[in-house]
Amino acid sequence: FQNKCMAHLRNFVKQGGAVVFVGHAMNQVKELCETVVLLDRGQVLQIGEPDKVVETYMALVAEREEEEFKRTRLKEWQEREKAKREAED
């Protein structure tokens, strides 16, 4: 069903239709969209080409996951950071 839906949307866009696509599936966003709007808590962070906006989104997600890991598993985070520093020396 999903593949059939995506094919229909691609065809619709090729024929000049406009679609507002909301999602977290970055491959589909890149495939379907010519322009992407990145929203964060109701605020526009970036508008632009799919590759650039998806890159910003992925960096934001990684940053937030890192913050959550540090907040919820501090000891493991500290050990990981120590290992990183030692590997750099």
Protein backbone atom coordinates (compact mmCIF):
# COMPACT_ATOMS: atom_id res chain seq x y z
CA PHE A 1 0.00 0.00 0.00
CA GLN A 2 2.76 2.44 0.93
CA ASN A 3 4.59 1.93 -2.37
CA LYS A 4 1.36 2.42 -4.31
CA CYS A 5 0.67 5.62 -2.36
CA MET A 6 4.16 6.99 -2.99
CA ALA A 7 3.88 6.22 -6.71
CA HIS A 8 0.57 8.07 -6.84
CA LEU A 9 2.06 11.09 -5.05
CA ARG A 10 5.10 11.16 -7.38
CA ASN A 11 2.81 11.05 -10.40
CA PHE A 12 0.58 13.77 -8.97
CA VAL A 13 3.57 16.06 -8.38
CA LYS A 14 4.97 15.36 -11.87
CA GLN A 15 1.65 16.55 -13.29
CA GLY A 16 2.00 19.86 -11.43
CA GLY A 17 0.13 19.04 -8.26
CA ALA A 18 1.18 20.39 -4.89
CA VAL A 19 1.50 18.16 -1.84
CA VAL A 20 2.10 19.04 1.78
CA PHE A 21 3.98 16.02 3.10
CA VAL A 22 4.52 15.79 6.84
CA GLY A 23 6.79 13.09 8.15
CA HIS A 24 9.98 11.84 9.68
CA ALA A 25 10.89 9.43 6.87
CA MET A 26 13.79 11.40 5.46
CA ASN A 27 14.23 9.25 2.34
CA GLN A 28 10.62 9.93 1.39
CA VAL A 29 11.00 13.63 2.14
CA LYS A 30 14.05 13.80 -0.15
CA GLU A 31 12.28 11.83 -2.85
CA LEU A 32 8.99 13.73 -2.89
CA CYS A 33 9.85 17.28 -1.95
CA GLU A 34 11.37 20.13 -3.90
CA THR A 35 11.32 22.45 -0.88
CA VAL A 36 11.38 21.40 2.76
CA VAL A 37 10.34 23.35 5.85
CA LEU A 38 11.92 22.23 9.11
CA LEU A 39 9.73 23.01 12.10
CA ASP A 40 10.82 22.73 15.71
CA ARG A 41 8.24 23.20 18.43
CA GLY A 42 6.12 25.29 16.10
CA GLN A 43 8.96 27.50 14.89
CA VAL A 44 10.44 27.48 11.39
CA LEU A 45 14.12 26.58 11.64
CA GLN A 46 14.96 26.25 7.97
CA ILE A 47 13.43 26.33 4.51
CA GLY A 48 15.30 25.00 1.52
CA GLU A 49 16.54 22.13 -0.59
CA PRO A 50 15.70 18.69 0.79
CA ASP A 51 19.31 17.49 1.21
CA LYS A 52 20.35 20.55 3.20
CA VAL A 53 17.27 20.65 5.41
CA VAL A 54 17.38 16.90 6.06
CA GLU A 55 21.04 17.27 7.09
CA THR A 56 20.03 19.96 9.60
CA TYR A 57 17.19 17.78 10.88
CA MET A 58 19.46 14.77 11.34
CA ALA A 59 22.02 16.88 13.23
CA LEU A 60 19.27 18.24 15.49
CA VAL A 61 17.97 14.74 16.22
CA ALA A 62 21.49 13.49 17.00
CA GLU A 63 22.10 16.44 19.33
CA ARG A 64 18.87 15.82 21.19
CA GLU A 65 19.54 12.10 21.47
CA GLU A 66 22.97 12.88 22.91
CA GLU A 67 21.42 15.27 25.44
CA GLU A 68 18.85 12.62 26.42
CA PHE A 69 21.55 9.97 26.78
CA LYS A 70 23.59 12.27 29.00
CA ARG A 71 20.54 13.16 31.10
CA THR A 72 19.28 9.62 31.60
CA ARG A 73 22.51 7.59 31.62
CA LEU A 74 25.13 10.00 32.94
CA LYS A 75 27.66 7.40 34.09
CA GLU A 76 27.67 5.62 30.72
CA TRP A 77 27.90 8.97 28.93
CA GLN A 78 30.89 9.97 31.07
CA GLU A 79 32.63 6.66 30.36
CA ARG A 80 32.04 7.05 26.65
CA GLU A 81 33.36 10.62 26.67
CA LYS A 82 36.45 9.52 28.60
CA ALA A 83 37.09 6.76 26.06
CA LYS A 84 36.75 9.29 23.21
CA ARG A 85 39.28 11.64 24.83
CA GLU A 86 41.73 8.81 25.42
CA ALA A 87 41.40 7.67 21.80
CA GLU A 88 42.18 11.21 20.59
CA ASP A 89 45.41 11.42 22.66
